[in-house]
Amino acid sequence: MTAADLKGKKVLVVGATGMVATPIVRRLAEQSEVWGAARFRDTTARDSLEAAGVRTVTLDLADPDFSGVPGDIDYVVNLAVSHAPDFSSALASNAENLGLLMAHCKGAKAFLHCSSTGVYQPNGQHPMRETDPLGDNHRALLPTYSISKIAAEVVARLSARLHGLPTVIARLNVPYGECIAWPSIHLECILAGQPIQVLPGEPSVYSPIHSDDIIRQIPLLLGVAAVPAPTVNWAGPDVVSVQEWCRYLGDLVGSEPVFEETQMALPSVAVDVTVMEQMIGPAQVHWKDGMRRMVDERQGAGRA
């Protein structure tokens, strides 16, 4: 395994203010010349990133203008996503304009496109492999999400071939830790006594991955970028249900979670990480350790 050397390099992170991207951008800026691209409708978010040493550039993939993006970027990490409710807008933002981004950055050494394990056709608690059928996994909550993420993968593969741009497509499972994501939202629900929605029947299971592993593995993923672009599940080492991690979080904060069964909840998307471990090695943070740290950090911030 050879990780990309990002030290001193020019790294573009697209979607820099997103829940997954923010801690990544801050950490990368400690050693790289990071360009954080986002819509920056919140000036506070922009000021915060710039204070951390990030060079910011306004970029809206719904209507992209790449004039502010340097033409000599070394590495690109695309974490941008649009949840537009109509397919025309979602496909344009997530797929078509990804192709324009890759064309602009075609001289980069490597391009990491963050996809989602939400592209898989639901299949109970079966651990999804990269070759398993794709489907409209998130339709209940996000009607355009899965289809536009599948389309984006196609565009990424084609663009890699057209431009000879080494690319890797990483299907991210449930992130948590430093980032504000599903488990941290569940933690807030538990503390507020609000119900957490789950599907009726057998528990929905996932393979959550801590932000420390996400940040550590980005250079490794960039190191395996190639033409044609490989596709890999990007997930943690443990299979855990929503109910299991919520009960554990409840134990840590001394509050019992409340569950509400509904057909509007998301189905299981646990994944097989064999390919990932062969390519870049395993994620290292056990889910209980990571979630305990998440609670400690939240409680520490509350006392500050």
C-alpha atoms as a PDB file:
ATOM      1  CA  MET A   1       0.000   0.000   0.000  1.00  0.00           C
ATOM      2  CA  THR A   2       1.370   3.370  -1.042  1.00  0.00           C
ATOM      3  CA  ALA A   3      -0.413   6.417   0.306  1.00  0.00           C
ATOM      4  CA  ALA A   4      -0.442   9.630  -1.679  1.00  0.00           C
ATOM      5  CA  ASP A   5       1.974  12.132  -0.172  1.00  0.00           C
ATOM      6  CA  LEU A   6      -0.196  15.180   0.529  1.00  0.00           C
ATOM      7  CA  LYS A   7       2.417  17.115   2.501  1.00  0.00           C
ATOM      8  CA  GLY A   8       2.817  20.535   0.946  1.00  0.00           C
ATOM      9  CA  LYS A   9       0.575  19.587  -1.968  1.00  0.00           C
ATOM     10  CA  LYS A  10      -2.348  21.561  -3.367  1.00  0.00           C
ATOM     11  CA  VAL A  11      -5.511  19.659  -2.347  1.00  0.00           C
ATOM     12  CA  LEU A  12      -9.007  20.668  -3.462  1.00  0.00           C
ATOM     13  CA  VAL A  13     -11.857  19.520  -1.214  1.00  0.00           C
ATOM     14  CA  VAL A  14     -15.270  20.058  -2.810  1.00  0.00           C
ATOM     15  CA  GLY A  15     -18.217  20.324  -0.437  1.00  0.00           C
ATOM     16  CA  ALA A  16     -15.910  21.712   2.234  1.00  0.00           C
ATOM     17  CA  THR A  17     -18.666  22.775   4.648  1.00  0.00           C
ATOM     18  CA  GLY A  18     -20.464  19.412   4.624  1.00  0.00           C
ATOM     19  CA  MET A  19     -20.908  17.265   7.714  1.00  0.00           C
ATOM     20  CA  VAL A  20     -18.210  14.812   6.606  1.00  0.00           C
ATOM     21  CA  ALA A  21     -15.885  17.310   4.966  1.00  0.00           C
ATOM     22  CA  THR A  22     -15.396  19.936   7.673  1.00  0.00           C
ATOM     23  CA  PRO A  23     -13.100  17.910   9.982  1.00  0.00           C
ATOM     24  CA  ILE A  24     -11.287  16.518   6.919  1.00  0.00           C
ATOM     25  CA  VAL A  25     -10.552  19.975   5.558  1.00  0.00           C
ATOM     26  CA  ARG A  26      -9.274  21.216   8.909  1.00  0.00           C
ATOM     27  CA  ARG A  27      -7.004  18.202   9.408  1.00  0.00           C
ATOM     28  CA  LEU A  28      -5.617  18.268   5.864  1.00  0.00           C
ATOM     29  CA  ALA A  29      -4.832  21.980   6.207  1.00  0.00           C
ATOM     30  CA  GLU A  30      -2.290  21.106   8.904  1.00  0.00           C
ATOM     31  CA  GLN A  31       0.059  19.720   6.244  1.00  0.00           C
ATOM     32  CA  SER A  32      -1.297  20.670   2.798  1.00  0.00           C
ATOM     33  CA  GLU A  33      -2.315  23.756   0.838  1.00  0.00           C
ATOM     34  CA  VAL A  34      -6.019  23.048   1.051  1.00  0.00           C
ATOM     35  CA  TRP A  35      -8.550  24.744  -1.182  1.00  0.00           C
ATOM     36  CA  GLY A  36     -12.029  24.342   0.267  1.00  0.00           C
ATOM     37  CA  ALA A  37     -14.813  24.731  -2.297  1.00  0.00           C
ATOM     38  CA  ALA A  38     -18.446  25.166  -1.280  1.00  0.00           C
ATOM     39  CA  ARG A  39     -21.421  27.472  -1.758  1.00  0.00           C
ATOM     40  CA  PHE A  40     -20.472  29.346   1.454  1.00  0.00           C
ATOM     41  CA  ARG A  41     -23.910  30.757   2.073  1.00  0.00           C
ATOM     42  CA  ASP A  42     -22.896  30.823   5.737  1.00  0.00           C
ATOM     43  CA  THR A  43     -20.097  33.371   6.129  1.00  0.00           C
ATOM     44  CA  THR A  44     -19.365  32.043   9.617  1.00  0.00           C
ATOM     45  CA  ALA A  45     -18.429  28.658   8.150  1.00  0.00           C
ATOM     46  CA  ARG A  46     -16.147  30.334   5.640  1.00  0.00           C
ATOM     47  CA  ASP A  47     -14.454  32.468   8.299  1.00  0.00           C
ATOM     48  CA  SER A  48     -13.931  29.391  10.472  1.00  0.00           C
ATOM     49  CA  LEU A  49     -12.218  27.437   7.687  1.00  0.00           C
ATOM     50  CA  GLU A  50     -10.039  30.370   6.700  1.00  0.00           C
ATOM     51  CA  ALA A  51      -8.982  30.765  10.330  1.00  0.00           C
ATOM     52  CA  ALA A  52      -7.809  27.126  10.150  1.00  0.00           C
ATOM     53  CA  GLY A  53      -5.608  27.933   7.161  1.00  0.00           C
ATOM     54  CA  VAL A  54      -7.957  26.812   4.395  1.00  0.00           C
ATOM     55  CA  ARG A  55      -8.088  28.807   1.158  1.00  0.00           C
ATOM     56  CA  THR A  56     -11.766  29.085   0.298  1.00  0.00           C
ATOM     57  CA  VAL A  57     -13.411  29.351  -3.109  1.00  0.00           C
ATOM     58  CA  THR A  58     -17.103  29.716  -3.872  1.00  0.00           C
ATOM     59  CA  LEU A  59     -18.363  26.828  -6.004  1.00  0.00           C
ATOM     60  CA  ASP A  60     -21.965  25.723  -6.460  1.00  0.00           C
ATOM     61  CA  LEU A  61     -22.235  22.471  -8.425  1.00  0.00           C
ATOM     62  CA  ALA A  62     -25.830  23.348  -9.267  1.00  0.00           C
ATOM     63  CA  ASP A  63     -24.415  26.119 -11.498  1.00  0.00           C
ATOM     64  CA  PRO A  64     -20.639  25.721 -11.463  1.00  0.00           C
ATOM     65  CA  ASP A  65     -18.127  28.466 -12.132  1.00  0.00           C
ATOM     66  CA  PHE A  66     -14.603  27.053 -11.885  1.00  0.00           C
ATOM     67  CA  SER A  67     -12.816  30.349 -12.457  1.00  0.00           C
ATOM     68  CA  GLY A  68     -11.783  30.539  -8.790  1.00  0.00           C
ATOM     69  CA  VAL A  69     -10.409  26.988  -8.707  1.00  0.00           C
ATOM     70  CA  PRO A  70      -6.657  26.807  -9.415  1.00  0.00           C
ATOM     71  CA  GLY A  71      -5.696  24.928 -12.539  1.00  0.00           C
ATOM     72  CA  ASP A  72      -2.687  23.256 -10.903  1.00  0.00           C
ATOM     73  CA  ILE A  73      -4.418  21.237  -8.176  1.00  0.00           C
ATOM     74  CA  ASP A  74      -2.478  18.106  -7.168  1.00  0.00           C
ATOM     75  CA  TYR A  75      -5.281  16.093  -5.565  1.00  0.00           C
ATOM     76  CA  VAL A  76      -9.076  16.375  -5.487  1.00  0.00           C
ATOM     77  CA  VAL A  77     -11.421  15.000  -2.808  1.00  0.00           C
ATOM     78  CA  ASN A  78     -15.052  15.365  -3.886  1.00  0.00           C
ATOM     79  CA  LEU A  79     -17.400  15.229  -0.904  1.00  0.00           C
ATOM     80  CA  ALA A  80     -20.127  17.436  -2.385  1.00  0.00           C
ATOM     81  CA  VAL A  81     -23.707  16.188  -2.613  1.00  0.00           C
ATOM     82  CA  SER A  82     -27.031  17.721  -3.554  1.00  0.00           C
ATOM     83  CA  HIS A  83     -30.294  16.550  -2.004  1.00  0.00           C
ATOM     84  CA  ALA A  84     -32.425  18.400  -4.555  1.00  0.00           C
ATOM     85  CA  PRO A  85     -35.957  16.925  -4.545  1.00  0.00           C
ATOM     86  CA  ASP A  86     -36.314  16.862  -8.345  1.00  0.00           C
ATOM     87  CA  PHE A  87     -34.275  14.520 -10.528  1.00  0.00           C
ATOM     88  CA  SER A  88     -33.292  17.132 -13.088  1.00  0.00           C
ATOM     89  CA  SER A  89     -31.528  19.264 -10.479  1.00  0.00           C
ATOM     90  CA  ALA A  90     -30.073  16.314  -8.554  1.00  0.00           C
ATOM     91  CA  LEU A  91     -28.631  14.656 -11.655  1.00  0.00           C
ATOM     92  CA  ALA A  92     -27.175  17.936 -12.899  1.00  0.00           C
ATOM     93  CA  SER A  93     -25.497  18.754  -9.569  1.00  0.00           C
ATOM     94  CA  ASN A  94     -24.327  15.287  -8.559  1.00  0.00           C
ATOM     95  CA  ALA A  95     -23.485  13.767 -11.946  1.00  0.00           C
ATOM     96  CA  GLU A  96     -23.265  16.114 -14.944  1.00  0.00           C
ATOM     97  CA  ASN A  97     -21.345  18.815 -13.133  1.00  0.00           C
ATOM     98  CA  LEU A  98     -19.037  16.259 -11.548  1.00  0.00           C
ATOM     99  CA  GLY A  99     -17.894  15.613 -15.120  1.00  0.00           C
ATOM    100  CA  LEU A 100     -17.200  19.326 -15.569  1.00  0.00           C
ATOM    101  CA  LEU A 101     -15.241  19.382 -12.287  1.00  0.00           C
ATOM    102  CA  MET A 102     -13.110  16.431 -13.396  1.00  0.00           C
ATOM    103  CA  ALA A 103     -12.483  18.085 -16.762  1.00  0.00           C
ATOM    104  CA  HIS A 104     -11.291  21.235 -14.978  1.00  0.00           C
ATOM    105  CA  CYS A 105      -9.009  19.186 -12.707  1.00  0.00           C
ATOM    106  CA  LYS A 106      -7.855  16.698 -15.362  1.00  0.00           C
ATOM    107  CA  GLY A 107      -4.196  17.456 -14.639  1.00  0.00           C
ATOM    108  CA  ALA A 108      -4.446  16.300 -11.014  1.00  0.00           C
ATOM    109  CA  LYS A 109      -2.402  13.366  -9.772  1.00  0.00           C
ATOM    110  CA  ALA A 110      -5.519  11.642  -8.369  1.00  0.00           C
ATOM    111  CA  PHE A 111      -9.241  12.219  -7.805  1.00  0.00           C
ATOM    112  CA  LEU A 112     -11.263  10.732  -4.946  1.00  0.00           C
ATOM    113  CA  HIS A 113     -15.008  10.676  -5.569  1.00  0.00           C
ATOM    114  CA  CYS A 114     -17.011   9.967  -2.416  1.00  0.00           C
ATOM    115  CA  SER A 115     -20.091   7.944  -3.281  1.00  0.00           C
ATOM    116  CA  SER A 116     -22.418   6.151  -0.865  1.00  0.00           C
ATOM    117  CA  THR A 117     -23.418   2.646   0.146  1.00  0.00           C
ATOM    118  CA  GLY A 118     -26.918   4.049  -0.369  1.00  0.00           C
ATOM    119  CA  VAL A 119     -26.518   2.969  -4.003  1.00  0.00           C
ATOM    120  CA  TYR A 120     -27.209  -0.708  -3.187  1.00  0.00           C
ATOM    121  CA  GLN A 121     -30.511  -2.484  -3.745  1.00  0.00           C
ATOM    122  CA  PRO A 122     -31.852  -3.330  -0.250  1.00  0.00           C
ATOM    123  CA  ASN A 123     -31.250  -6.972   0.648  1.00  0.00           C
ATOM    124  CA  GLY A 124     -31.936  -7.352   4.361  1.00  0.00           C
ATOM    125  CA  GLN A 125     -28.880  -7.798   6.549  1.00  0.00           C
ATOM    126  CA  HIS A 126     -26.760  -9.222   3.724  1.00  0.00           C
ATOM    127  CA  PRO A 127     -23.316  -7.513   3.725  1.00  0.00           C
ATOM    128  CA  MET A 128     -23.186  -5.661   0.410  1.00  0.00           C
ATOM    129  CA  ARG A 129     -20.273  -6.312  -1.925  1.00  0.00           C
ATOM    130  CA  GLU A 130     -19.123  -3.907  -4.627  1.00  0.00           C
ATOM    131  CA  THR A 131     -20.542  -6.245  -7.274  1.00  0.00           C
ATOM    132  CA  ASP A 132     -24.025  -6.508  -5.710  1.00  0.00           C
ATOM    133  CA  PRO A 133     -27.074  -5.045  -7.491  1.00  0.00           C
ATOM    134  CA  LEU A 134     -27.634  -1.317  -7.279  1.00  0.00           C
ATOM    135  CA  GLY A 135     -31.017   0.194  -6.481  1.00  0.00           C
ATOM    136  CA  ASP A 136     -33.118   3.052  -5.135  1.00  0.00           C
ATOM    137  CA  ASN A 137     -32.085   2.498  -1.512  1.00  0.00           C
ATOM    138  CA  HIS A 138     -32.902   5.892   0.034  1.00  0.00           C
ATOM    139  CA  ARG A 139     -36.177   6.654  -1.770  1.00  0.00           C
ATOM    140  CA  ALA A 140     -38.230   6.793   1.457  1.00  0.00           C
ATOM    141  CA  LEU A 141     -36.327   9.792   2.854  1.00  0.00           C
ATOM    142  CA  LEU A 142     -34.294  11.217  -0.035  1.00  0.00           C
ATOM    143  CA  PRO A 143     -36.155  10.535  -3.289  1.00  0.00           C
ATOM    144  CA  THR A 144     -33.359  11.512  -5.717  1.00  0.00           C
ATOM    145  CA  TYR A 145     -30.310  10.517  -3.669  1.00  0.00           C
ATOM    146  CA  SER A 146     -29.527   6.933  -4.652  1.00  0.00           C
ATOM    147  CA  ILE A 147     -30.232   7.330  -8.370  1.00  0.00           C
ATOM    148  CA  SER A 148     -28.147  10.503  -8.683  1.00  0.00           C
ATOM    149  CA  LYS A 149     -25.271   8.913  -6.723  1.00  0.00           C
ATOM    150  CA  ILE A 150     -25.325   5.939  -9.111  1.00  0.00           C
ATOM    151  CA  ALA A 151     -25.282   8.332 -12.061  1.00  0.00           C
ATOM    152  CA  ALA A 152     -22.346  10.193 -10.504  1.00  0.00           C
ATOM    153  CA  GLU A 153     -20.324   6.971 -10.304  1.00  0.00           C
ATOM    154  CA  VAL A 154     -20.871   6.419 -14.035  1.00  0.00           C
ATOM    155  CA  VAL A 155     -19.736   9.969 -14.810  1.00  0.00           C
ATOM    156  CA  ALA A 156     -16.664   9.542 -12.600  1.00  0.00           C
ATOM    157  CA  ARG A 157     -15.655   6.330 -14.377  1.00  0.00           C
ATOM    158  CA  LEU A 158     -16.179   7.849 -17.824  1.00  0.00           C
ATOM    159  CA  SER A 159     -14.334  11.065 -16.964  1.00  0.00           C
ATOM    160  CA  ALA A 160     -11.379   9.119 -15.589  1.00  0.00           C
ATOM    161  CA  ARG A 161     -11.075   7.341 -18.931  1.00  0.00           C
ATOM    162  CA  LEU A 162     -11.653  10.432 -21.074  1.00  0.00           C
ATOM    163  CA  HIS A 163      -9.022  12.504 -19.292  1.00  0.00           C
ATOM    164  CA  GLY A 164      -6.628   9.793 -18.112  1.00  0.00           C
ATOM    165  CA  LEU A 165      -7.305  11.056 -14.586  1.00  0.00           C
ATOM    166  CA  PRO A 166      -6.500   8.451 -11.896  1.00  0.00           C
ATOM    167  CA  THR A 167      -9.721   8.121  -9.910  1.00  0.00           C
ATOM    168  CA  VAL A 168     -11.121   6.058  -7.059  1.00  0.00           C
ATOM    169  CA  ILE A 169     -14.820   5.779  -6.167  1.00  0.00           C
ATOM    170  CA  ALA A 170     -15.351   5.176  -2.446  1.00  0.00           C
ATOM    171  CA  ARG A 171     -18.835   4.174  -1.250  1.00  0.00           C
ATOM    172  CA  LEU A 172     -19.033   5.682   2.224  1.00  0.00           C
ATOM    173  CA  ASN A 173     -21.161   3.988   4.889  1.00  0.00           C
ATOM    174  CA  VAL A 174     -22.372   5.762   8.071  1.00  0.00           C
ATOM    175  CA  PRO A 175     -19.808   8.393   9.153  1.00  0.00           C
ATOM    176  CA  TYR A 176     -19.605   9.544  12.771  1.00  0.00           C
ATOM    177  CA  GLY A 177     -17.145  11.066  15.224  1.00  0.00           C
ATOM    178  CA  GLU A 178     -15.977  14.637  14.685  1.00  0.00           C
ATOM    179  CA  CYS A 179     -18.560  15.107  11.949  1.00  0.00           C
ATOM    180  CA  ILE A 180     -22.206  15.877  12.545  1.00  0.00           C
ATOM    181  CA  ALA A 181     -23.921  12.817  11.135  1.00  0.00           C
ATOM    182  CA  TRP A 182     -26.541  10.187  11.825  1.00  0.00           C
ATOM    183  CA  PRO A 183     -25.246   8.821  15.196  1.00  0.00           C
ATOM    184  CA  SER A 184     -24.658  12.332  16.557  1.00  0.00           C
ATOM    185  CA  ILE A 185     -28.189  13.305  15.504  1.00  0.00           C
ATOM    186  CA  HIS A 186     -29.449  10.205  17.322  1.00  0.00           C
ATOM    187  CA  LEU A 187     -27.485  11.297  20.401  1.00  0.00           C
ATOM    188  CA  GLU A 188     -29.240  14.659  20.368  1.00  0.00           C
ATOM    189  CA  CYS A 189     -32.619  12.899  20.010  1.00  0.00           C
ATOM    190  CA  ILE A 190     -31.837  10.713  23.026  1.00  0.00           C
ATOM    191  CA  LEU A 191     -30.849  13.715  25.137  1.00  0.00           C
ATOM    192  CA  ALA A 192     -34.021  15.561  24.093  1.00  0.00           C
ATOM    193  CA  GLY A 193     -36.308  12.544  24.567  1.00  0.00           C
ATOM    194  CA  GLN A 194     -37.294  12.627  20.897  1.00  0.00           C
ATOM    195  CA  PRO A 195     -38.175   9.412  19.003  1.00  0.00           C
ATOM    196  CA  ILE A 196     -35.700   7.763  16.644  1.00  0.00           C
ATOM    197  CA  GLN A 197     -37.301   6.318  13.522  1.00  0.00           C
ATOM    198  CA  VAL A 198     -36.582   2.680  12.637  1.00  0.00           C
ATOM    199  CA  LEU A 199     -38.104   0.184  10.247  1.00  0.00           C
ATOM    200  CA  PRO A 200     -40.532  -2.410  11.635  1.00  0.00           C
ATOM    201  CA  GLY A 201     -39.205  -5.962  11.884  1.00  0.00           C
ATOM    202  CA  GLU A 202     -35.553  -6.962  12.064  1.00  0.00           C
ATOM    203  CA  PRO A 203     -33.139  -4.171  12.982  1.00  0.00           C
ATOM    204  CA  SER A 204     -31.441  -2.232  10.184  1.00  0.00           C
ATOM    205  CA  VAL A 205     -27.685  -2.775  10.323  1.00  0.00           C
ATOM    206  CA  TYR A 206     -24.780  -0.684   9.053  1.00  0.00           C
ATOM    207  CA  SER A 207     -20.979  -0.497   9.103  1.00  0.00           C
ATOM    208  CA  PRO A 208     -20.258   2.895  10.716  1.00  0.00           C
ATOM    209  CA  ILE A 209     -16.851   4.480  10.156  1.00  0.00           C
ATOM    210  CA  HIS A 210     -15.221   7.005  12.487  1.00  0.00           C
ATOM    211  CA  SER A 211     -13.956  10.328  11.152  1.00  0.00           C
ATOM    212  CA  ASP A 212     -10.417   9.452  12.304  1.00  0.00           C
ATOM    213  CA  ASP A 213     -10.435   6.475   9.928  1.00  0.00           C
ATOM    214  CA  ILE A 214     -11.937   8.574   7.132  1.00  0.00           C
ATOM    215  CA  ILE A 215      -9.197  11.178   7.471  1.00  0.00           C
ATOM    216  CA  ARG A 216      -6.427   8.571   7.821  1.00  0.00           C
ATOM    217  CA  GLN A 217      -7.572   6.648   4.754  1.00  0.00           C
ATOM    218  CA  ILE A 218      -7.937   9.542   2.316  1.00  0.00           C
ATOM    219  CA  PRO A 219      -4.235   9.474   1.295  1.00  0.00           C
ATOM    220  CA  LEU A 220      -4.482   5.677   1.007  1.00  0.00           C
ATOM    221  CA  LEU A 221      -7.516   5.920  -1.268  1.00  0.00           C
ATOM    222  CA  LEU A 222      -5.830   8.556  -3.412  1.00  0.00           C
ATOM    223  CA  GLY A 223      -2.862   6.196  -3.602  1.00  0.00           C
ATOM    224  CA  VAL A 224      -4.963   3.486  -5.299  1.00  0.00           C
ATOM    225  CA  ALA A 225      -6.662   5.833  -7.782  1.00  0.00           C
ATOM    226  CA  ALA A 226      -6.328   4.469 -11.298  1.00  0.00           C
ATOM    227  CA  VAL A 227      -7.746   4.311 -14.813  1.00  0.00           C
ATOM    228  CA  PRO A 228     -10.170   2.544 -15.025  1.00  0.00           C
ATOM    229  CA  ALA A 229     -11.389   3.803 -11.659  1.00  0.00           C
ATOM    230  CA  PRO A 230     -11.761   1.150  -8.924  1.00  0.00           C
ATOM    231  CA  THR A 231     -14.873   1.155  -6.733  1.00  0.00           C
ATOM    232  CA  VAL A 232     -14.592   0.247  -3.053  1.00  0.00           C
ATOM    233  CA  ASN A 233     -16.826   0.139   0.006  1.00  0.00           C
ATOM    234  CA  TRP A 234     -15.581   2.632   2.615  1.00  0.00           C
ATOM    235  CA  ALA A 235     -16.744   1.465   6.021  1.00  0.00           C
ATOM    236  CA  GLY A 236     -15.858   0.524   9.561  1.00  0.00           C
ATOM    237  CA  PRO A 237     -14.934  -2.922  10.905  1.00  0.00           C
ATOM    238  CA  ASP A 238     -18.187  -3.637  12.796  1.00  0.00           C
ATOM    239  CA  VAL A 239     -21.777  -4.369  11.781  1.00  0.00           C
ATOM    240  CA  VAL A 240     -24.136  -2.558  14.160  1.00  0.00           C
ATOM    241  CA  SER A 241     -27.859  -1.827  14.205  1.00  0.00           C
ATOM    242  CA  VAL A 242     -29.378   1.596  14.843  1.00  0.00           C
ATOM    243  CA  GLN A 243     -31.049   0.181  17.962  1.00  0.00           C
ATOM    244  CA  GLU A 244     -27.738  -1.190  19.268  1.00  0.00           C
ATOM    245  CA  TRP A 245     -25.766   2.023  18.917  1.00  0.00           C
ATOM    246  CA  CYS A 246     -28.641   4.124  20.251  1.00  0.00           C
ATOM    247  CA  ARG A 247     -28.986   1.934  23.349  1.00  0.00           C
ATOM    248  CA  TYR A 248     -25.238   2.181  23.877  1.00  0.00           C
ATOM    249  CA  LEU A 249     -25.356   5.970  23.528  1.00  0.00           C
ATOM    250  CA  GLY A 250     -28.289   5.998  25.943  1.00  0.00           C
ATOM    251  CA  ASP A 251     -26.291   4.024  28.499  1.00  0.00           C
ATOM    252  CA  LEU A 252     -23.430   6.505  28.211  1.00  0.00           C
ATOM    253  CA  VAL A 253     -25.637   9.544  28.845  1.00  0.00           C
ATOM    254  CA  GLY A 254     -28.096   7.874  31.231  1.00  0.00           C
ATOM    255  CA  SER A 255     -31.156   8.246  29.025  1.00  0.00           C
ATOM    256  CA  GLU A 256     -33.193   5.490  27.360  1.00  0.00           C
ATOM    257  CA  PRO A 257     -33.721   5.959  23.611  1.00  0.00           C
ATOM    258  CA  VAL A 258     -37.264   6.005  22.264  1.00  0.00           C
ATOM    259  CA  PHE A 259     -37.877   4.230  18.952  1.00  0.00           C
ATOM    260  CA  GLU A 260     -40.677   4.900  16.491  1.00  0.00           C
ATOM    261  CA  GLU A 261     -41.392   2.258  13.854  1.00  0.00           C
ATOM    262  CA  THR A 262     -42.160   3.613  10.394  1.00  0.00           C
ATOM    263  CA  GLN A 263     -41.829   2.567   6.772  1.00  0.00           C
ATOM    264  CA  MET A 264     -40.119   5.922   6.153  1.00  0.00           C
ATOM    265  CA  ALA A 265     -36.894   4.774   7.848  1.00  0.00           C
ATOM    266  CA  LEU A 266     -33.845   3.608   5.889  1.00  0.00           C
ATOM    267  CA  PRO A 267     -33.144  -0.104   5.258  1.00  0.00           C
ATOM    268  CA  SER A 268     -29.996  -2.025   6.201  1.00  0.00           C
ATOM    269  CA  VAL A 269     -26.789  -1.247   4.337  1.00  0.00           C
ATOM    270  CA  ALA A 270     -24.058  -3.229   6.079  1.00  0.00           C
ATOM    271  CA  VAL A 271     -21.155  -3.896   3.725  1.00  0.00           C
ATOM    272  CA  ASP A 272     -18.411  -6.386   3.010  1.00  0.00           C
ATOM    273  CA  VAL A 273     -15.054  -4.624   3.492  1.00  0.00           C
ATOM    274  CA  THR A 274     -12.829  -7.342   1.995  1.00  0.00           C
ATOM    275  CA  VAL A 275     -11.904  -5.270  -1.049  1.00  0.00           C
ATOM    276  CA  MET A 276     -11.219  -2.185   1.058  1.00  0.00           C
ATOM    277  CA  GLU A 277      -8.965  -4.089   3.442  1.00  0.00           C
ATOM    278  CA  GLN A 278      -7.021  -5.578   0.522  1.00  0.00           C
ATOM    279  CA  MET A 279      -6.586  -2.169  -1.098  1.00  0.00           C
ATOM    280  CA  ILE A 280      -5.946   0.189   1.831  1.00  0.00           C
ATOM    281  CA  GLY A 281      -6.100  -1.872   5.019  1.00  0.00           C
ATOM    282  CA  PRO A 282      -8.879  -1.947   7.639  1.00  0.00           C
ATOM    283  CA  ALA A 283     -10.541   0.856   9.522  1.00  0.00           C
ATOM    284  CA  GLN A 284      -9.238   0.799  13.075  1.00  0.00           C
ATOM    285  CA  VAL A 285     -11.740   2.499  15.403  1.00  0.00           C
ATOM    286  CA  HIS A 286     -14.157   0.074  17.092  1.00  0.00           C
ATOM    287  CA  TRP A 287     -17.674   1.501  17.093  1.00  0.00           C
ATOM    288  CA  LYS A 288     -18.039   1.529  20.884  1.00  0.00           C
ATOM    289  CA  ASP A 289     -14.729   3.343  21.355  1.00  0.00           C
ATOM    290  CA  GLY A 290     -15.633   5.851  18.673  1.00  0.00           C
ATOM    291  CA  MET A 291     -19.116   6.528  20.000  1.00  0.00           C
ATOM    292  CA  ARG A 292     -17.827   6.884  23.556  1.00  0.00           C
ATOM    293  CA  ARG A 293     -15.392   9.495  22.299  1.00  0.00           C
ATOM    294  CA  MET A 294     -18.212  11.225  20.423  1.00  0.00           C
ATOM    295  CA  VAL A 295     -20.220  11.484  23.660  1.00  0.00           C
ATOM    296  CA  ASP A 296     -17.175  12.694  25.632  1.00  0.00           C
ATOM    297  CA  GLU A 297     -16.443  15.380  23.046  1.00  0.00           C
ATOM    298  CA  ARG A 298     -20.065  16.514  23.016  1.00  0.00           C
ATOM    299  CA  GLN A 299     -20.221  16.699  26.799  1.00  0.00           C
ATOM    300  CA  GLY A 300     -16.854  18.461  26.920  1.00  0.00           C
ATOM    301  CA  ALA A 301     -18.064  21.059  24.436  1.00  0.00           C
ATOM    302  CA  GLY A 302     -21.174  21.564  26.547  1.00  0.00           C
ATOM    303  CA  ARG A 303     -19.050  22.304  29.628  1.00  0.00           C
ATOM    304  CA  ALA A 304     -16.752  24.682  27.757  1.00  0.00           C
END
